[in-house]
Protein backbone atom coordinates (compact mmCIF):
# COMPACT_ATOMS: atom_id res chain seq x y z
CA MET A 1 86.53 69.00 107.96
CA LYS A 2 89.08 67.91 105.42
CA VAL A 3 90.19 71.12 103.46
CA GLY A 4 92.02 70.90 100.06
CA ILE A 5 93.91 74.11 99.05
CA VAL A 6 94.99 74.30 95.42
CA GLY A 7 98.19 76.49 95.40
CA ALA A 8 100.87 76.94 98.10
CA GLY A 9 101.88 80.48 97.40
CA ALA A 10 101.64 83.16 99.97
CA TRP A 11 97.87 83.39 100.17
CA GLY A 12 97.33 79.56 99.93
CA THR A 13 99.94 79.27 102.72
CA ALA A 14 98.25 81.81 105.03
CA ILE A 15 94.77 80.28 104.64
CA ALA A 16 96.22 76.87 105.59
CA THR A 17 97.47 78.31 108.87
CA VAL A 18 94.08 79.97 109.53
CA ALA A 19 92.12 76.65 108.72
CA SER A 20 94.56 74.49 110.77
CA GLU A 21 94.17 76.62 113.63
CA ASN A 22 90.45 75.67 113.92
CA GLY A 23 91.46 72.04 114.07
CA HIS A 24 90.75 71.15 110.37
CA SER A 25 92.99 68.64 108.41
CA ILE A 26 94.47 70.47 105.40
CA VAL A 27 95.98 68.90 102.20
CA LEU A 28 97.87 71.74 100.56
CA TRP A 29 98.71 71.11 96.85
CA ALA A 30 101.78 72.68 95.15
CA ARG A 31 103.24 72.11 91.74
CA GLU A 32 106.71 72.64 92.99
CA HIS A 33 108.38 69.56 94.52
CA ASP A 34 110.82 71.42 96.61
CA VAL A 35 107.88 73.45 98.28
CA VAL A 36 105.97 70.16 99.04
CA ARG A 37 109.10 68.61 100.57
CA GLU A 38 109.92 71.64 102.72
CA ILE A 39 106.27 71.94 104.03
CA ASN A 40 106.21 68.21 104.98
CA GLU A 41 109.76 67.94 106.41
CA LYS A 42 110.43 71.47 107.79
CA ARG A 43 106.87 72.71 108.33
CA SER A 44 107.79 75.98 106.51
CA ASN A 45 107.51 77.67 103.08
CA ASP A 46 110.42 80.10 102.90
CA ARG A 47 109.99 80.20 99.01
CA PHE A 48 106.60 81.94 99.09
CA LEU A 49 106.03 83.06 102.67
CA PRO A 50 109.11 83.19 104.94
CA GLY A 51 108.30 82.96 108.59
CA THR A 52 105.44 80.45 108.30
CA HIS A 53 105.16 77.50 110.63
CA PHE A 54 102.61 74.83 109.55
CA ALA A 55 100.93 72.64 112.25
CA GLU A 56 101.18 68.88 111.93
CA SER A 57 97.57 68.85 110.50
CA VAL A 58 99.02 70.44 107.37
CA ARG A 59 100.19 67.89 104.78
CA ALA A 60 101.60 69.09 101.31
CA THR A 61 101.27 67.13 97.98
CA ASP A 62 102.02 67.46 94.37
CA ARG A 63 99.16 65.18 93.39
CA LEU A 64 95.88 66.84 92.68
CA ALA A 65 94.01 63.50 92.96
CA ASP A 66 94.97 63.77 96.75
CA LEU A 67 92.42 66.55 97.00
CA HIS A 68 89.31 64.36 95.77
CA ALA A 69 88.46 63.25 99.25
CA CYS A 70 88.20 66.75 100.71
CA ASP A 71 84.99 68.41 101.96
CA ILE A 72 86.00 71.84 101.01
CA LEU A 73 88.40 73.02 98.13
CA ILE A 74 89.95 76.41 98.18
CA ASN A 75 91.49 77.82 94.96
CA ALA A 76 94.73 79.83 95.60
CA THR A 77 96.05 79.65 92.10
CA PRO A 78 96.26 82.87 90.01
CA THR A 79 93.25 83.52 87.66
CA GLN A 80 95.28 82.93 84.44
CA TYR A 81 96.04 79.31 85.80
CA THR A 82 92.71 78.37 87.33
CA ARG A 83 91.08 77.00 84.24
CA ALA A 84 93.94 74.63 83.52
CA VAL A 85 94.23 73.42 87.26
CA LEU A 86 90.41 72.88 87.67
CA ALA A 87 90.16 71.18 84.33
CA GLU A 88 92.75 68.75 85.59
CA LEU A 89 91.41 68.47 88.95
CA GLN A 90 87.83 67.90 88.06
CA PRO A 91 86.32 68.65 91.37
CA ARG A 92 83.13 66.86 92.56
CA ASP A 93 80.28 68.96 94.13
CA VAL A 94 81.97 70.39 97.15
CA VAL A 95 81.93 73.94 98.39
CA LEU A 96 84.74 75.69 96.30
CA VAL A 97 86.12 78.83 97.71
CA ASN A 98 88.10 81.15 95.48
CA LEU A 99 91.05 83.33 96.71
CA ALA A 100 92.18 84.48 93.21
CA LYS A 101 91.76 88.09 92.19
CA GLY A 102 91.74 88.74 88.41
CA ILE A 103 89.87 88.54 85.08
CA GLU A 104 90.85 85.72 82.52
CA ILE A 105 92.50 87.11 79.54
CA GLY A 106 90.69 86.30 76.27
CA THR A 107 87.19 85.29 77.90
CA HIS A 108 87.03 88.24 80.17
CA PHE A 109 85.69 85.81 82.79
CA ARG A 110 85.57 86.10 86.50
CA VAL A 111 86.75 83.08 88.48
CA SER A 112 82.98 82.05 89.23
CA GLU A 113 82.40 81.88 85.38
CA ILE A 114 85.49 79.93 84.84
CA VAL A 115 84.40 77.37 87.49
CA ALA A 116 80.95 77.22 86.04
CA GLU A 117 82.44 76.13 82.56
CA VAL A 118 85.27 73.87 83.39
CA ALA A 119 83.78 72.43 86.72
CA PRO A 120 79.92 72.29 86.18
CA SER A 121 79.51 69.73 88.99
CA VAL A 122 80.38 72.47 91.44
CA SER A 123 77.20 74.12 92.59
CA ARG A 124 78.27 75.69 95.73
CA TYR A 125 80.75 78.62 94.89
CA ALA A 126 82.10 81.33 97.28
CA VAL A 127 84.81 83.95 96.75
CA LEU A 128 86.78 85.34 99.84
CA SER A 129 88.30 88.86 99.45
CA GLY A 130 89.23 91.87 101.61
CA PRO A 131 92.37 93.56 103.00
CA SER A 132 94.39 90.60 103.94
CA HIS A 133 98.18 90.47 103.21
CA ALA A 134 99.38 86.96 103.92
CA GLU A 135 102.41 88.15 105.71
CA GLU A 136 100.31 89.63 108.48
CA VAL A 137 97.74 86.98 108.44
CA VAL A 138 100.27 84.26 109.65
CA GLN A 139 101.40 86.62 112.32
CA ARG A 140 97.92 86.70 113.48
CA MET A 141 97.37 90.33 113.16
CA PRO A 142 93.64 91.11 113.29
CA THR A 143 92.20 90.70 109.72
CA THR A 144 88.65 90.95 108.35
CA VAL A 145 87.56 89.51 104.95
CA VAL A 146 84.27 88.93 103.26
CA CYS A 147 82.94 85.80 101.87
CA ALA A 148 80.52 86.08 98.89
CA SER A 149 78.11 83.48 97.69
CA ARG A 150 74.73 83.24 96.14
CA ASP A 151 74.11 80.26 98.35
CA THR A 152 73.98 81.50 101.94
CA GLU A 153 74.84 78.24 103.44
CA SER A 154 78.07 78.11 101.73
CA SER A 155 79.17 81.33 103.15
CA ALA A 156 78.12 80.12 106.52
CA VAL A 157 80.38 77.15 106.07
CA VAL A 158 83.11 79.47 105.13
CA GLN A 159 82.69 81.68 108.11
CA GLU A 160 82.69 78.37 110.38
CA LEU A 161 85.89 77.06 108.73
CA LEU A 162 87.94 80.34 108.79
CA SER A 163 86.88 82.54 111.66
CA THR A 164 89.36 82.81 114.55
CA PRO A 165 90.21 85.62 117.04
CA SER A 166 92.44 87.10 114.61
CA PHE A 167 90.62 86.41 111.21
CA ARG A 168 86.99 87.64 111.02
CA VAL A 169 84.83 86.55 108.18
CA TYR A 170 81.92 88.58 106.96
CA SER A 171 79.21 87.25 104.61
CA SER A 172 77.74 88.70 101.40
CA THR A 173 75.71 87.65 98.33
CA ASP A 174 77.38 89.91 95.92
CA VAL A 175 79.68 87.61 94.03
CA VAL A 176 80.08 89.91 91.08
CA GLY A 177 81.06 92.99 93.26
CA VAL A 178 83.49 91.10 95.37
CA GLU A 179 85.18 89.52 92.42
CA ILE A 180 85.38 92.69 90.31
CA GLY A 181 86.61 94.83 93.40
CA GLY A 182 89.32 92.22 94.17
CA ALA A 183 90.53 92.16 90.48
CA LEU A 184 90.57 95.88 89.60
CA LYS A 185 92.20 97.05 92.97
CA ASN A 186 95.42 95.39 91.78
CA VAL A 187 95.32 97.54 88.62
CA ILE A 188 94.82 100.70 90.72
CA ALA A 189 97.60 99.52 93.20
CA ILE A 190 99.99 99.37 90.11
CA ALA A 191 99.07 102.90 89.50
CA ALA A 192 99.69 103.84 93.21
CA GLY A 193 103.07 102.29 93.04
CA ILE A 194 103.86 104.34 90.01
CA VAL A 195 103.11 107.54 92.04
CA ASP A 196 105.37 106.46 94.62
CA GLY A 197 108.06 105.54 92.11
CA VAL A 198 108.02 108.93 90.39
CA GLY A 199 108.12 110.71 93.70
CA LEU A 200 104.68 112.25 93.95
CA GLY A 201 102.83 113.01 97.22
CA ASP A 202 99.95 112.26 99.32
CA ASN A 203 97.60 114.51 97.32
CA THR A 204 98.32 112.50 94.28
CA LYS A 205 97.82 109.08 95.86
CA ALA A 206 94.62 109.95 97.75
CA ALA A 207 93.17 111.27 94.33
CA LEU A 208 94.27 108.16 92.61
CA ILE A 209 92.73 105.82 95.30
CA THR A 210 89.44 107.84 95.35
CA ARG A 211 88.95 108.01 91.66
CA GLY A 212 90.17 104.36 91.27
CA LEU A 213 87.45 103.47 93.63
CA ALA A 214 84.85 105.26 91.46
CA GLU A 215 86.36 103.45 88.42
CA ILE A 216 86.00 100.02 90.06
CA ALA A 217 82.40 100.90 91.30
CA ARG A 218 81.45 101.85 87.60
CA LEU A 219 82.31 98.67 86.01
CA SER A 220 81.01 96.64 88.92
CA VAL A 221 77.56 98.22 88.84
CA ALA A 222 77.43 97.73 85.08
CA LEU A 223 77.97 94.13 85.58
CA GLY A 224 75.19 93.79 88.14
CA ALA A 225 76.81 94.37 91.39
CA ASP A 226 75.49 96.20 94.56
CA PRO A 227 77.42 99.56 94.81
CA GLN A 228 77.48 99.24 98.53
CA THR A 229 79.85 96.29 98.21
CA LEU A 230 82.56 98.56 96.74
CA TYR A 231 82.47 100.56 99.75
CA GLY A 232 83.06 97.54 102.03
CA LEU A 233 86.11 95.29 102.69
CA ALA A 234 86.33 93.73 99.14
CA GLY A 235 86.32 97.26 97.64
CA LEU A 236 87.59 100.25 99.70
CA GLY A 237 89.32 97.99 102.29
CA ASP A 238 91.24 95.88 99.81
CA LEU A 239 91.99 98.90 97.57
CA TYR A 240 93.42 100.87 100.30
CA VAL A 241 95.71 98.14 101.62
CA THR A 242 96.91 97.15 98.29
CA CYS A 243 97.83 100.69 97.34
CA ALA A 244 99.55 101.49 100.62
CA SER A 245 101.14 98.39 101.92
CA ARG A 246 104.91 97.55 101.64
CA HIS A 247 103.48 93.78 101.27
CA SER A 248 101.74 94.67 98.00
CA ARG A 249 103.15 92.98 94.98
CA ASN A 250 101.10 95.08 92.63
CA ARG A 251 102.12 98.26 94.24
CA ARG A 252 105.82 97.18 94.16
CA VAL A 253 105.46 96.49 90.44
CA GLY A 254 104.20 100.05 89.76
CA GLU A 255 106.84 101.46 92.01
CA ARG A 256 109.66 99.77 90.17
CA ILE A 257 108.26 100.99 86.79
CA GLY A 258 108.02 104.39 88.23
CA GLN A 259 111.56 104.29 88.97
CA GLY A 260 112.44 103.47 85.49
CA GLU A 261 112.60 99.62 85.29
CA THR A 262 110.83 97.77 82.49
CA LEU A 263 107.79 95.47 83.05
CA ASP A 264 109.73 92.47 81.73
CA ALA A 265 112.75 93.09 84.09
CA VAL A 266 110.30 93.58 87.04
CA THR A 267 108.26 90.47 86.44
CA ALA A 268 111.33 88.16 85.56
CA SER A 269 112.67 88.93 89.18
CA MET A 270 109.51 87.97 90.88
CA SER A 271 108.74 84.56 92.38
CA ALA A 272 105.06 85.32 92.86
CA VAL A 273 102.42 86.58 90.36
CA ALA A 274 101.14 90.09 90.33
CA GLU A 275 97.61 89.65 88.99
CA GLY A 276 97.06 93.23 88.15
CA VAL A 277 99.43 93.15 85.13
CA THR A 278 97.25 90.72 83.28
CA THR A 279 93.99 92.09 84.77
CA THR A 280 94.73 95.59 83.26
CA ARG A 281 94.19 94.31 79.70
CA ALA A 282 91.34 92.10 80.45
CA ALA A 283 89.67 94.70 82.34
CA LEU A 284 89.89 97.26 79.71
CA GLU A 285 88.30 94.79 77.24
CA LEU A 286 85.55 93.73 79.49
CA ALA A 287 84.81 97.46 80.11
CA ALA A 288 84.56 98.26 76.45
CA SER A 289 82.22 95.49 75.92
CA VAL A 290 79.63 97.07 78.40
CA GLY A 291 80.44 100.63 77.32
CA ILE A 292 82.31 101.73 80.44
CA GLU A 293 85.27 103.92 80.54
CA LEU A 294 88.19 103.19 82.72
CA PRO A 295 90.64 106.13 82.32
CA ILE A 296 93.05 105.21 85.07
CA THR A 297 93.30 101.65 83.95
CA GLU A 298 93.74 102.88 80.31
CA GLN A 299 96.78 104.92 81.31
CA VAL A 300 98.22 101.99 83.43
CA ALA A 301 97.87 99.85 80.17
CA LYS A 302 99.83 102.45 78.22
CA ILE A 303 102.61 102.69 80.73
CA LEU A 304 102.91 98.75 81.14
CA PHE A 305 102.55 97.67 77.44
CA GLU A 306 103.41 100.73 75.31
CA GLY A 307 106.30 102.27 77.36
CA VAL A 308 104.49 105.56 77.84
CA ASP A 309 106.22 107.80 80.40
CA PRO A 310 104.44 107.85 83.72
CA ARG A 311 104.39 111.47 84.07
CA TYR A 312 102.79 111.87 80.65
CA ALA A 313 100.22 109.52 81.69
CA ILE A 314 99.47 111.37 84.77
CA HIS A 315 99.34 114.55 82.78
CA ALA A 316 96.82 113.01 80.38
CA LEU A 317 94.63 112.09 83.36
CA MET A 318 94.85 115.55 84.83
CA THR A 319 93.99 117.36 81.71
CA ARG A 320 90.92 115.32 80.85
CA GLN A 321 87.61 117.22 80.06
CA PRO A 322 86.14 118.73 83.18
CA ARG A 323 82.95 116.80 84.65
CA SER A 324 80.95 116.26 87.65
CA GLU A 325 82.51 114.04 90.43
CA ASN A 326 79.36 111.74 90.39
């Protein structure tokens, strides 16, 4: 198949290497001209994923029109840019696979809802998520993910496209659960980084991950998700790796803030996007619209956007009114 990948950041780059391993022809779109040139001439992408080597079947372009002839499109642009890129691309009715993990500011849309609004010709949508840092995927470390689509044929196509001996793809029909799990785990990962940054221990981090998962599940179920999804790869699996890994951009943002840096200074120094920052506000607004409390997310927002001291925010969580765990 001819596969078009929209976005040559770390994750788009990693997925290109996976798909090319199965013999598919890849057209990888990047807005940055220097990235396109490096991929085509040097077969690498040192700006976004050092150590990558592309097969000859991968070709980069800075023209979205070059993706129109593709059989499958994979969206690897951050959530806040997806609307503009898809509006410009105007994809035809192909299988569209989303890799972005976030909630759109203002609309509170998940990516599936953005696609439905700006690309109504696309009827076959799938979302891929799970514990899958790009740095390990390109090294062919065993990785498992889940592909969710309401159209089971589409998820089967994605399984065939991307399954390799080192990259295993499970299927699901729970688009809502996979999208919300992927989006909110980035917020909890920022909180986990803050815990690391202020020098707290394993007890604190384990409590944060556990209660963070409860928070993610609460919102997901309110939006119609299957609670079991949140205890699978797109929930617990992705949450754990994003909170614990040295590769996690969102965890690193939190760690630096916990060490005393400002959000502006941290984000200005990064070449890649930490989707959890923008998702924090959008998730709180979405939760309020359906009457759901997200206490950890609320405290992350206060730290990020109001300058609240992380230790004060942790104290506020620890001294909330006692209640049942479930």
